[in-house]
Amino acid sequence: MRPIAVIDDDSAVRDALQILFEAHQWPVFGFESAEHFLNEADAADYSCLIIDVRMTGMSGLELYSELKTSFYLPPVIFLTGHADVPMAVAAVKDGVMDFLEKPCDYSLLVSRIEACLARDEEARSAWNARQSLDERLESLTPREREVLRELLTGRLNKQIADELEISIKTVEVHRARIYTKLKVRSAGGLAASLKGVQISEI
């Protein structure tokens, strides 16, 4: 599994969490600041990020805001020594997995980590599938993209040929190439593979 990242400027916290996580056979890396993490790590390489809210330099909230621009962001748990209900509610609404007060109950933290690992596996699988699909879509020629957009509206070959002012035979050739490049065998398979993709994205 990918390691857990603990980003906290308190070395005692980092050491305690490292011992806790290693006892559960979870690999873990500690970072003493948000800047250290940004300079040395890639969020996508981790299964979960444990971030202290208040640190010297860049705060945990500022780090999270920066990381949200990443291609892939694993589940995040915030730790704070200062209970702040409005901040916690705002963070969770913004996509944070959990917001725990220090010193946190270790059994509670472990259960939250387990939930994070499960969510990461599910989300990463979907993200990888979308990345693979995007790569296949990039392989299409501009004309194939035009035909694909028409196919997704449910139009028949003749209708597509009339709309694009090309022959039906040409539409059939493009359709076959689209199926090959997107690794599908039918119109149903094509629709299923592009589920959730907006026509405007093609």
N, C-alpha and C. Protein backbone atom coordinates (compact mmCIF):
# COMPACT_ATOMS: atom_id res chain seq x y z
N MET A 1 0.83 -1.20 0.00
CA MET A 1 0.00 0.00 0.00
C MET A 1 0.88 1.26 0.00
N ARG A 2 0.29 2.37 -0.44
CA ARG A 2 1.02 3.63 -0.41
C ARG A 2 1.10 4.12 1.03
N PRO A 3 2.16 4.84 1.35
CA PRO A 3 2.34 5.28 2.75
C PRO A 3 1.37 6.38 3.15
N ILE A 4 1.30 6.59 4.45
CA ILE A 4 0.55 7.70 5.03
C ILE A 4 1.54 8.83 5.28
N ALA A 5 1.13 10.05 5.04
CA ALA A 5 1.98 11.20 5.32
C ALA A 5 1.46 11.93 6.55
N VAL A 6 2.36 12.18 7.51
CA VAL A 6 2.02 12.96 8.70
C VAL A 6 2.75 14.29 8.60
N ILE A 7 1.98 15.37 8.50
CA ILE A 7 2.57 16.70 8.32
C ILE A 7 2.25 17.51 9.56
N ASP A 8 3.25 17.64 10.44
CA ASP A 8 3.04 18.27 11.74
C ASP A 8 4.39 18.82 12.22
N ASP A 9 4.38 20.03 12.75
CA ASP A 9 5.66 20.62 13.19
C ASP A 9 6.06 20.17 14.59
N ASP A 10 5.25 19.32 15.20
CA ASP A 10 5.57 18.77 16.53
C ASP A 10 6.18 17.38 16.34
N SER A 11 7.46 17.26 16.60
CA SER A 11 8.15 15.99 16.39
C SER A 11 7.59 14.88 17.27
N ALA A 12 7.11 15.23 18.46
CA ALA A 12 6.55 14.22 19.37
C ALA A 12 5.29 13.61 18.76
N VAL A 13 4.48 14.43 18.10
CA VAL A 13 3.27 13.93 17.44
C VAL A 13 3.65 13.04 16.27
N ARG A 14 4.62 13.49 15.48
CA ARG A 14 5.04 12.69 14.33
C ARG A 14 5.56 11.33 14.78
N ASP A 15 6.37 11.33 15.83
CA ASP A 15 6.94 10.07 16.32
C ASP A 15 5.86 9.14 16.87
N ALA A 16 4.91 9.70 17.61
CA ALA A 16 3.84 8.88 18.20
C ALA A 16 2.97 8.25 17.12
N LEU A 17 2.64 9.05 16.10
CA LEU A 17 1.80 8.52 15.02
C LEU A 17 2.56 7.50 14.18
N GLN A 18 3.85 7.70 14.01
CA GLN A 18 4.64 6.73 13.26
C GLN A 18 4.64 5.38 13.97
N ILE A 19 4.80 5.39 15.29
CA ILE A 19 4.77 4.15 16.06
C ILE A 19 3.39 3.49 15.95
N LEU A 20 2.34 4.31 16.06
CA LEU A 20 0.97 3.79 15.98
C LEU A 20 0.69 3.15 14.63
N PHE A 21 1.05 3.85 13.58
CA PHE A 21 0.74 3.34 12.23
C PHE A 21 1.60 2.12 11.88
N GLU A 22 2.84 2.14 12.27
CA GLU A 22 3.71 1.00 11.98
C GLU A 22 3.25 -0.25 12.73
N ALA A 23 2.61 -0.04 13.89
CA ALA A 23 2.07 -1.18 14.63
C ALA A 23 0.93 -1.85 13.87
N HIS A 24 0.30 -1.08 12.96
CA HIS A 24 -0.77 -1.62 12.12
C HIS A 24 -0.25 -1.99 10.73
N GLN A 25 1.06 -2.04 10.59
CA GLN A 25 1.69 -2.39 9.32
C GLN A 25 1.40 -1.38 8.21
N TRP A 26 1.25 -0.11 8.62
CA TRP A 26 1.02 0.95 7.64
C TRP A 26 2.31 1.75 7.47
N PRO A 27 2.89 1.80 6.30
CA PRO A 27 4.09 2.63 6.11
C PRO A 27 3.74 4.10 6.30
N VAL A 28 4.67 4.84 6.86
CA VAL A 28 4.39 6.25 7.17
C VAL A 28 5.65 7.10 7.00
N PHE A 29 5.45 8.33 6.54
CA PHE A 29 6.53 9.30 6.43
C PHE A 29 6.10 10.59 7.14
N GLY A 30 7.03 11.19 7.89
CA GLY A 30 6.74 12.42 8.60
C GLY A 30 7.37 13.63 7.92
N PHE A 31 6.65 14.76 7.98
CA PHE A 31 7.14 16.02 7.42
C PHE A 31 6.96 17.10 8.48
N GLU A 32 7.99 17.90 8.69
CA GLU A 32 7.98 18.87 9.78
C GLU A 32 7.26 20.16 9.46
N SER A 33 6.88 20.34 8.19
CA SER A 33 6.17 21.56 7.81
C SER A 33 5.45 21.35 6.48
N ALA A 34 4.53 22.26 6.21
CA ALA A 34 3.82 22.21 4.94
C ALA A 34 4.80 22.43 3.78
N GLU A 35 5.73 23.34 4.00
CA GLU A 35 6.73 23.63 2.96
C GLU A 35 7.59 22.41 2.67
N HIS A 36 7.95 21.70 3.71
CA HIS A 36 8.76 20.49 3.56
C HIS A 36 8.02 19.47 2.69
N PHE A 37 6.73 19.32 2.96
CA PHE A 37 5.95 18.37 2.16
C PHE A 37 5.86 18.81 0.70
N LEU A 38 5.57 20.08 0.48
CA LEU A 38 5.43 20.58 -0.90
C LEU A 38 6.74 20.44 -1.68
N ASN A 39 7.86 20.64 -1.00
CA ASN A 39 9.16 20.59 -1.67
C ASN A 39 9.66 19.18 -1.92
N GLU A 40 9.27 18.24 -1.06
CA GLU A 40 9.84 16.91 -1.11
C GLU A 40 8.89 15.80 -1.56
N ALA A 41 7.58 16.08 -1.59
CA ALA A 41 6.62 14.98 -1.82
C ALA A 41 5.59 15.32 -2.89
N ASP A 42 4.91 14.28 -3.32
CA ASP A 42 3.79 14.40 -4.24
C ASP A 42 2.60 13.76 -3.56
N ALA A 43 1.52 14.50 -3.38
CA ALA A 43 0.36 14.00 -2.65
C ALA A 43 -0.17 12.68 -3.21
N ALA A 44 -0.09 12.51 -4.52
CA ALA A 44 -0.62 11.30 -5.15
C ALA A 44 0.14 10.04 -4.75
N ASP A 45 1.32 10.21 -4.15
CA ASP A 45 2.12 9.05 -3.75
C ASP A 45 1.67 8.49 -2.39
N TYR A 46 0.70 9.14 -1.77
CA TYR A 46 0.27 8.74 -0.43
C TYR A 46 -1.20 8.30 -0.42
N SER A 47 -1.51 7.43 0.52
CA SER A 47 -2.88 6.93 0.63
C SER A 47 -3.74 7.80 1.53
N CYS A 48 -3.09 8.63 2.36
CA CYS A 48 -3.81 9.48 3.30
C CYS A 48 -2.85 10.55 3.80
N LEU A 49 -3.37 11.74 4.04
CA LEU A 49 -2.56 12.83 4.58
C LEU A 49 -3.12 13.23 5.94
N ILE A 50 -2.26 13.21 6.95
CA ILE A 50 -2.63 13.69 8.29
C ILE A 50 -1.97 15.05 8.45
N ILE A 51 -2.76 16.11 8.56
CA ILE A 51 -2.21 17.47 8.53
C ILE A 51 -2.60 18.25 9.78
N ASP A 52 -1.58 18.82 10.42
CA ASP A 52 -1.84 19.70 11.56
C ASP A 52 -2.36 21.03 11.03
N VAL A 53 -3.41 21.55 11.66
CA VAL A 53 -4.01 22.80 11.18
C VAL A 53 -3.08 23.99 11.36
N ARG A 54 -2.48 24.11 12.56
CA ARG A 54 -1.65 25.27 12.86
C ARG A 54 -0.19 24.87 12.96
N MET A 55 0.59 25.34 12.00
CA MET A 55 2.02 25.04 11.98
C MET A 55 2.80 26.32 11.74
N THR A 56 4.07 26.30 12.09
CA THR A 56 4.93 27.44 11.79
C THR A 56 5.05 27.57 10.28
N GLY A 57 4.93 28.78 9.77
CA GLY A 57 4.96 28.97 8.33
C GLY A 57 3.58 28.75 7.74
N MET A 58 3.53 28.03 6.63
CA MET A 58 2.25 27.75 5.99
C MET A 58 1.38 26.89 6.90
N SER A 59 0.12 27.27 7.06
CA SER A 59 -0.80 26.50 7.90
C SER A 59 -1.30 25.27 7.17
N GLY A 60 -1.91 24.37 7.92
CA GLY A 60 -2.48 23.17 7.31
C GLY A 60 -3.58 23.50 6.33
N LEU A 61 -4.39 24.51 6.66
CA LEU A 61 -5.47 24.91 5.76
C LEU A 61 -4.92 25.48 4.46
N GLU A 62 -3.84 26.25 4.57
CA GLU A 62 -3.21 26.80 3.36
C GLU A 62 -2.60 25.68 2.53
N LEU A 63 -2.02 24.70 3.20
CA LEU A 63 -1.47 23.55 2.48
C LEU A 63 -2.56 22.81 1.73
N TYR A 64 -3.68 22.58 2.40
CA TYR A 64 -4.79 21.87 1.77
C TYR A 64 -5.29 22.62 0.54
N SER A 65 -5.40 23.93 0.67
CA SER A 65 -5.84 24.75 -0.46
C SER A 65 -4.89 24.60 -1.64
N GLU A 66 -3.59 24.53 -1.34
CA GLU A 66 -2.58 24.34 -2.39
C GLU A 66 -2.70 22.96 -3.02
N LEU A 67 -2.93 21.95 -2.19
CA LEU A 67 -2.97 20.57 -2.68
C LEU A 67 -4.22 20.26 -3.50
N LYS A 68 -5.25 21.05 -3.32
CA LYS A 68 -6.49 20.80 -4.07
C LYS A 68 -6.31 20.98 -5.57
N THR A 69 -5.22 21.63 -5.96
CA THR A 69 -4.94 21.81 -7.39
C THR A 69 -4.18 20.61 -7.96
N SER A 70 -3.86 19.62 -7.11
CA SER A 70 -3.12 18.43 -7.56
C SER A 70 -3.99 17.59 -8.49
N PHE A 71 -3.33 16.80 -9.32
CA PHE A 71 -4.07 15.90 -10.21
C PHE A 71 -4.88 14.90 -9.39
N TYR A 72 -4.30 14.43 -8.31
CA TYR A 72 -5.02 13.51 -7.43
C TYR A 72 -4.69 13.85 -5.98
N LEU A 73 -5.72 13.99 -5.16
CA LEU A 73 -5.53 14.29 -3.75
C LEU A 73 -6.14 13.17 -2.91
N PRO A 74 -5.32 12.45 -2.14
CA PRO A 74 -5.85 11.37 -1.30
C PRO A 74 -6.67 11.95 -0.14
N PRO A 75 -7.37 11.11 0.61
CA PRO A 75 -8.15 11.60 1.74
C PRO A 75 -7.27 12.33 2.76
N VAL A 76 -7.85 13.36 3.36
CA VAL A 76 -7.13 14.21 4.31
C VAL A 76 -7.83 14.21 5.66
N ILE A 77 -7.03 14.08 6.72
CA ILE A 77 -7.52 14.24 8.09
C ILE A 77 -6.76 15.40 8.72
N PHE A 78 -7.50 16.36 9.26
CA PHE A 78 -6.87 17.47 9.96
C PHE A 78 -6.79 17.17 11.45
N LEU A 79 -5.67 17.53 12.05
CA LEU A 79 -5.50 17.48 13.50
C LEU A 79 -5.36 18.91 14.01
N THR A 80 -5.98 19.19 15.13
CA THR A 80 -5.86 20.54 15.69
C THR A 80 -5.82 20.50 17.21
N GLY A 81 -5.01 21.37 17.78
CA GLY A 81 -4.95 21.49 19.22
C GLY A 81 -5.93 22.53 19.73
N HIS A 82 -6.65 23.14 18.81
CA HIS A 82 -7.60 24.20 19.16
C HIS A 82 -8.95 23.88 18.51
N ALA A 83 -9.90 23.44 19.33
CA ALA A 83 -11.22 23.08 18.81
C ALA A 83 -11.87 24.29 18.15
N ASP A 84 -12.33 24.12 16.94
CA ASP A 84 -12.97 25.20 16.20
C ASP A 84 -14.06 24.57 15.34
N VAL A 85 -15.28 24.55 15.86
CA VAL A 85 -16.38 23.87 15.17
C VAL A 85 -16.66 24.45 13.79
N PRO A 86 -16.77 25.78 13.65
CA PRO A 86 -17.01 26.34 12.31
C PRO A 86 -15.92 25.95 11.31
N MET A 87 -14.65 25.97 11.77
CA MET A 87 -13.55 25.59 10.89
C MET A 87 -13.67 24.13 10.48
N ALA A 88 -14.03 23.28 11.44
CA ALA A 88 -14.17 21.85 11.15
C ALA A 88 -15.27 21.61 10.14
N VAL A 89 -16.41 22.26 10.35
CA VAL A 89 -17.55 22.10 9.43
C VAL A 89 -17.17 22.56 8.03
N ALA A 90 -16.50 23.71 7.95
CA ALA A 90 -16.09 24.24 6.65
C ALA A 90 -15.12 23.30 5.96
N ALA A 91 -14.18 22.74 6.73
CA ALA A 91 -13.19 21.84 6.15
C ALA A 91 -13.83 20.58 5.58
N VAL A 92 -14.76 20.00 6.35
CA VAL A 92 -15.43 18.78 5.89
C VAL A 92 -16.26 19.06 4.65
N LYS A 93 -16.92 20.19 4.62
CA LYS A 93 -17.70 20.57 3.43
C LYS A 93 -16.80 20.76 2.22
N ASP A 94 -15.54 21.12 2.50
CA ASP A 94 -14.58 21.36 1.41
C ASP A 94 -13.89 20.08 0.96
N GLY A 95 -14.32 18.95 1.50
CA GLY A 95 -13.78 17.68 1.03
C GLY A 95 -12.84 16.96 1.98
N VAL A 96 -12.55 17.58 3.13
CA VAL A 96 -11.69 16.92 4.11
C VAL A 96 -12.42 15.72 4.71
N MET A 97 -11.70 14.62 4.89
CA MET A 97 -12.31 13.39 5.39
C MET A 97 -12.75 13.53 6.85
N ASP A 98 -11.89 14.15 7.67
CA ASP A 98 -12.21 14.28 9.09
C ASP A 98 -11.40 15.40 9.73
N PHE A 99 -11.84 15.81 10.91
CA PHE A 99 -11.22 16.91 11.63
C PHE A 99 -11.19 16.50 13.09
N LEU A 100 -10.00 16.14 13.61
CA LEU A 100 -9.88 15.59 14.96
C LEU A 100 -9.09 16.52 15.87
N GLU A 101 -9.52 16.57 17.13
CA GLU A 101 -8.85 17.44 18.10
C GLU A 101 -7.74 16.69 18.82
N LYS A 102 -6.61 17.36 18.99
CA LYS A 102 -5.50 16.80 19.76
C LYS A 102 -5.77 16.98 21.25
N PRO A 103 -5.32 16.06 22.10
CA PRO A 103 -4.81 14.72 21.70
C PRO A 103 -5.98 13.84 21.30
N CYS A 104 -5.88 13.23 20.14
CA CYS A 104 -7.01 12.43 19.64
C CYS A 104 -6.94 11.00 20.18
N ASP A 105 -8.10 10.41 20.27
CA ASP A 105 -8.20 9.01 20.70
C ASP A 105 -7.61 8.13 19.61
N TYR A 106 -6.61 7.33 19.95
CA TYR A 106 -5.91 6.54 18.94
C TYR A 106 -6.82 5.52 18.25
N SER A 107 -7.75 4.93 18.99
CA SER A 107 -8.65 3.96 18.37
C SER A 107 -9.56 4.65 17.37
N LEU A 108 -9.97 5.88 17.68
CA LEU A 108 -10.78 6.65 16.74
C LEU A 108 -9.97 7.01 15.50
N LEU A 109 -8.73 7.44 15.71
CA LEU A 109 -7.87 7.79 14.59
C LEU A 109 -7.64 6.59 13.69
N VAL A 110 -7.40 5.43 14.28
CA VAL A 110 -7.17 4.21 13.48
C VAL A 110 -8.39 3.89 12.63
N SER A 111 -9.58 4.03 13.21
CA SER A 111 -10.79 3.73 12.44
C SER A 111 -10.96 4.72 11.29
N ARG A 112 -10.57 5.97 11.55
CA ARG A 112 -10.66 6.99 10.48
C ARG A 112 -9.63 6.71 9.38
N ILE A 113 -8.45 6.26 9.78
CA ILE A 113 -7.44 5.92 8.80
C ILE A 113 -7.92 4.76 7.93
N GLU A 114 -8.52 3.77 8.54
CA GLU A 114 -9.04 2.63 7.78
C GLU A 114 -10.07 3.09 6.76
N ALA A 115 -10.93 4.04 7.16
CA ALA A 115 -11.92 4.58 6.22
C ALA A 115 -11.23 5.34 5.09
N CYS A 116 -10.16 6.07 5.43
CA CYS A 116 -9.40 6.81 4.42
C CYS A 116 -8.76 5.87 3.40
N LEU A 117 -8.20 4.78 3.89
CA LEU A 117 -7.53 3.83 3.00
C LEU A 117 -8.53 3.20 2.04
N ALA A 118 -9.73 2.90 2.55
CA ALA A 118 -10.77 2.32 1.69
C ALA A 118 -11.23 3.33 0.65
N ARG A 119 -11.40 4.59 1.09
CA ARG A 119 -11.83 5.62 0.15
C ARG A 119 -10.76 5.88 -0.90
N ASP A 120 -9.50 5.89 -0.48
CA ASP A 120 -8.41 6.13 -1.43
C ASP A 120 -8.37 5.05 -2.50
N GLU A 121 -8.55 3.80 -2.09
CA GLU A 121 -8.52 2.71 -3.06
C GLU A 121 -9.63 2.87 -4.09
N GLU A 122 -10.81 3.23 -3.62
CA GLU A 122 -11.95 3.41 -4.53
C GLU A 122 -11.75 4.61 -5.44
N ALA A 123 -11.36 5.74 -4.83
CA ALA A 123 -11.18 6.97 -5.61
C ALA A 123 -10.03 6.86 -6.59
N ARG A 124 -8.94 6.20 -6.17
CA ARG A 124 -7.77 6.07 -7.05
C ARG A 124 -8.10 5.18 -8.24
N SER A 125 -8.90 4.15 -8.01
CA SER A 125 -9.30 3.26 -9.09
C SER A 125 -10.09 4.04 -10.14
N ALA A 126 -11.03 4.88 -9.67
CA ALA A 126 -11.82 5.69 -10.59
C ALA A 126 -10.94 6.72 -11.30
N TRP A 127 -10.00 7.30 -10.56
CA TRP A 127 -9.10 8.30 -11.13
C TRP A 127 -8.20 7.67 -12.20
N ASN A 128 -7.68 6.50 -11.92
CA ASN A 128 -6.83 5.80 -12.89
C ASN A 128 -7.61 5.45 -14.15
N ALA A 129 -8.87 5.03 -13.96
CA ALA A 129 -9.71 4.69 -15.11
C ALA A 129 -9.95 5.93 -15.97
N ARG A 130 -10.19 7.07 -15.32
CA ARG A 130 -10.42 8.30 -16.07
C ARG A 130 -9.15 8.76 -16.78
N GLN A 131 -8.00 8.60 -16.12
CA GLN A 131 -6.73 8.95 -16.76
C GLN A 131 -6.51 8.11 -18.02
N SER A 132 -6.81 6.82 -17.92
CA SER A 132 -6.65 5.92 -19.05
C SER A 132 -7.60 6.31 -20.18
N LEU A 133 -8.83 6.67 -19.82
CA LEU A 133 -9.80 7.09 -20.83
C LEU A 133 -9.35 8.37 -21.50
N ASP A 134 -8.85 9.33 -20.71
CA ASP A 134 -8.39 10.59 -21.28
C ASP A 134 -7.26 10.36 -22.28
N GLU A 135 -6.38 9.42 -21.98
CA GLU A 135 -5.28 9.11 -22.89
C GLU A 135 -5.81 8.53 -24.20
N ARG A 136 -6.83 7.67 -24.09
CA ARG A 136 -7.42 7.09 -25.32
C ARG A 136 -8.15 8.16 -26.14
N LEU A 137 -8.84 9.07 -25.44
CA LEU A 137 -9.52 10.15 -26.16
C LEU A 137 -8.52 11.06 -26.87
N GLU A 138 -7.36 11.26 -26.24
CA GLU A 138 -6.32 12.09 -26.86
C GLU A 138 -5.81 11.48 -28.16
N SER A 139 -5.95 10.18 -28.31
CA SER A 139 -5.45 9.51 -29.51
C SER A 139 -6.38 9.71 -30.71
N LEU A 140 -7.57 10.23 -30.48
CA LEU A 140 -8.53 10.43 -31.58
C LEU A 140 -8.13 11.64 -32.42
N THR A 141 -8.37 11.53 -33.71
CA THR A 141 -8.14 12.66 -34.60
C THR A 141 -9.30 13.65 -34.45
N PRO A 142 -9.12 14.90 -34.91
CA PRO A 142 -10.22 15.88 -34.83
C PRO A 142 -11.50 15.37 -35.49
N ARG A 143 -11.39 14.71 -36.64
CA ARG A 143 -12.59 14.19 -37.32
C ARG A 143 -13.22 13.07 -36.52
N GLU A 144 -12.40 12.21 -35.93
CA GLU A 144 -12.95 11.13 -35.11
C GLU A 144 -13.68 11.68 -33.89
N ARG A 145 -13.18 12.78 -33.36
CA ARG A 145 -13.86 13.42 -32.23
C ARG A 145 -15.23 13.95 -32.66
N GLU A 146 -15.27 14.53 -33.86
CA GLU A 146 -16.56 15.02 -34.38
C GLU A 146 -17.56 13.88 -34.53
N VAL A 147 -17.11 12.79 -35.08
CA VAL A 147 -17.99 11.63 -35.26
C VAL A 147 -18.41 11.07 -33.90
N LEU A 148 -17.48 11.02 -32.98
CA LEU A 148 -17.80 10.50 -31.65
C LEU A 148 -18.87 11.35 -30.97
N ARG A 149 -18.75 12.66 -31.07
CA ARG A 149 -19.76 13.53 -30.47
C ARG A 149 -21.13 13.27 -31.07
N GLU A 150 -21.16 13.05 -32.35
CA GLU A 150 -22.43 12.75 -33.02
C GLU A 150 -22.97 11.39 -32.57
N LEU A 151 -22.10 10.42 -32.45
CA LEU A 151 -22.53 9.09 -32.00
C LEU A 151 -23.15 9.16 -30.61
N LEU A 152 -22.59 9.98 -29.76
CA LEU A 152 -23.07 10.06 -28.38
C LEU A 152 -24.43 10.75 -28.28
N THR A 153 -24.83 11.45 -29.32
CA THR A 153 -26.17 12.05 -29.33
C THR A 153 -27.21 11.04 -29.83
N GLY A 154 -26.73 9.87 -30.26
CA GLY A 154 -27.65 8.83 -30.71
C GLY A 154 -27.96 8.84 -32.20
N ARG A 155 -27.22 9.64 -32.95
CA ARG A 155 -27.49 9.73 -34.38
C ARG A 155 -27.00 8.50 -35.13
N LEU A 156 -27.69 8.20 -36.22
CA LEU A 156 -27.33 7.08 -37.08
C LEU A 156 -26.24 7.51 -38.06
N ASN A 157 -25.62 6.50 -38.70
CA ASN A 157 -24.52 6.80 -39.64
C ASN A 157 -24.93 7.80 -40.72
N LYS A 158 -26.13 7.60 -41.29
CA LYS A 158 -26.58 8.49 -42.35
C LYS A 158 -26.75 9.91 -41.85
N GLN A 159 -27.31 10.05 -40.66
CA GLN A 159 -27.50 11.38 -40.08
C GLN A 159 -26.16 12.06 -39.82
N ILE A 160 -25.21 11.28 -39.35
CA ILE A 160 -23.87 11.83 -39.10
C ILE A 160 -23.21 12.24 -40.41
N ALA A 161 -23.37 11.41 -41.42
CA ALA A 161 -22.79 11.72 -42.72
C ALA A 161 -23.36 13.02 -43.27
N ASP A 162 -24.67 13.20 -43.12
CA ASP A 162 -25.32 14.43 -43.61
C ASP A 162 -24.84 15.64 -42.81
N GLU A 163 -24.74 15.47 -41.50
CA GLU A 163 -24.35 16.58 -40.63
C GLU A 163 -22.91 17.02 -40.90
N LEU A 164 -22.02 16.06 -41.11
CA LEU A 164 -20.61 16.37 -41.31
C LEU A 164 -20.22 16.49 -42.78
N GLU A 165 -21.20 16.25 -43.65
CA GLU A 165 -20.99 16.34 -45.10
C GLU A 165 -19.88 15.40 -45.57
N ILE A 166 -19.99 14.14 -45.12
CA ILE A 166 -19.06 13.09 -45.55
C ILE A 166 -19.90 11.89 -45.94
N SER A 167 -19.27 10.89 -46.55
CA SER A 167 -20.01 9.71 -46.98
C SER A 167 -20.30 8.78 -45.80
N ILE A 168 -21.32 7.94 -45.95
CA ILE A 168 -21.65 6.97 -44.92
C ILE A 168 -20.48 6.02 -44.71
N LYS A 169 -19.81 5.65 -45.79
CA LYS A 169 -18.65 4.76 -45.70
C LYS A 169 -17.57 5.38 -44.82
N THR A 170 -17.35 6.69 -44.99
CA THR A 170 -16.34 7.37 -44.19
C THR A 170 -16.73 7.37 -42.71
N VAL A 171 -18.01 7.57 -42.44
CA VAL A 171 -18.50 7.51 -41.06
C VAL A 171 -18.23 6.13 -40.47
N GLU A 172 -18.50 5.10 -41.26
CA GLU A 172 -18.28 3.72 -40.79
C GLU A 172 -16.81 3.48 -40.47
N VAL A 173 -15.92 4.02 -41.29
CA VAL A 173 -14.48 3.86 -41.06
C VAL A 173 -14.07 4.55 -39.77
N HIS A 174 -14.55 5.79 -39.61
CA HIS A 174 -14.22 6.53 -38.38
C HIS A 174 -14.80 5.84 -37.15
N ARG A 175 -16.01 5.32 -37.31
CA ARG A 175 -16.66 4.63 -36.18
C ARG A 175 -15.84 3.41 -35.75
N ALA A 176 -15.36 2.66 -36.73
CA ALA A 176 -14.56 1.47 -36.44
C ALA A 176 -13.26 1.86 -35.73
N ARG A 177 -12.64 2.95 -36.19
CA ARG A 177 -11.40 3.40 -35.58
C ARG A 177 -11.63 3.90 -34.15
N ILE A 178 -12.76 4.56 -33.94
CA ILE A 178 -13.10 5.03 -32.59
C ILE A 178 -13.27 3.85 -31.65
N TYR A 179 -13.99 2.83 -32.09
CA TYR A 179 -14.20 1.64 -31.28
C TYR A 179 -12.85 1.00 -30.91
N THR A 180 -11.96 0.93 -31.90
CA THR A 180 -10.65 0.32 -31.67
C THR A 180 -9.84 1.12 -30.66
N LYS A 181 -9.78 2.43 -30.86
CA LYS A 181 -8.98 3.28 -29.98
C LYS A 181 -9.53 3.33 -28.56
N LEU A 182 -10.86 3.31 -28.42
CA LEU A 182 -11.47 3.37 -27.09
C LEU A 182 -11.69 1.98 -26.49
N LYS A 183 -11.29 0.96 -27.25
CA LYS A 183 -11.35 -0.43 -26.77
C LYS A 183 -12.78 -0.86 -26.40
N VAL A 184 -13.71 -0.57 -27.31
CA VAL A 184 -15.10 -1.01 -27.14
C VAL A 184 -15.53 -1.77 -28.39
N ARG A 185 -16.63 -2.50 -28.29
CA ARG A 185 -17.08 -3.31 -29.42
C ARG A 185 -18.47 -2.95 -29.92
N SER A 186 -19.15 -2.07 -29.19
CA SER A 186 -20.52 -1.75 -29.58
C SER A 186 -20.88 -0.35 -29.12
N ALA A 187 -22.05 0.12 -29.60
CA ALA A 187 -22.54 1.43 -29.18
C ALA A 187 -22.80 1.45 -27.68
N GLY A 188 -23.30 0.33 -27.17
CA GLY A 188 -23.56 0.23 -25.74
C GLY A 188 -22.27 0.31 -24.94
N GLY A 189 -21.24 -0.38 -25.43
CA GLY A 189 -19.94 -0.35 -24.76
C GLY A 189 -19.34 1.05 -24.82
N LEU A 190 -19.56 1.74 -25.93
CA LEU A 190 -19.05 3.10 -26.09
C LEU A 190 -19.71 4.02 -25.06
N ALA A 191 -21.03 3.93 -24.95
CA ALA A 191 -21.76 4.77 -24.00
C ALA A 191 -21.32 4.48 -22.56
N ALA A 192 -21.13 3.19 -22.25
CA ALA A 192 -20.72 2.81 -20.89
C ALA A 192 -19.33 3.33 -20.57
N SER A 193 -18.41 3.26 -21.54
CA SER A 193 -17.03 3.68 -21.29
C SER A 193 -16.92 5.19 -21.11
N LEU A 194 -17.89 5.92 -21.65
CA LEU A 194 -17.85 7.38 -21.57
C LEU A 194 -18.87 7.93 -20.58
N LYS A 195 -19.39 7.06 -19.72
CA LYS A 195 -20.35 7.49 -18.72
C LYS A 195 -19.73 8.54 -17.81
N GLY A 196 -20.42 9.64 -17.65
CA GLY A 196 -19.91 10.72 -16.81
C GLY A 196 -19.09 11.75 -17.56
N VAL A 197 -18.75 11.45 -18.82
CA VAL A 197 -17.99 12.39 -19.64
C VAL A 197 -18.95 13.28 -20.42
N GLN A 198 -18.78 14.58 -20.32
CA GLN A 198 -19.63 15.52 -21.06
C GLN A 198 -19.16 15.58 -22.51
N ILE A 199 -20.13 15.71 -23.41
CA ILE A 199 -19.79 15.81 -24.84
C ILE A 199 -18.85 16.97 -25.08
N SER A 200 -19.01 18.04 -24.33
CA SER A 200 -18.16 19.22 -24.50
C SER A 200 -16.71 18.94 -24.12
N GLU A 201 -16.45 17.85 -23.37
CA GLU A 201 -15.09 17.50 -22.96
C GLU A 201 -14.35 16.75 -24.06
N ILE A 202 -15.07 16.28 -25.08
CA ILE A 202 -14.46 15.46 -26.13
C ILE A 202 -13.90 16.33 -27.25
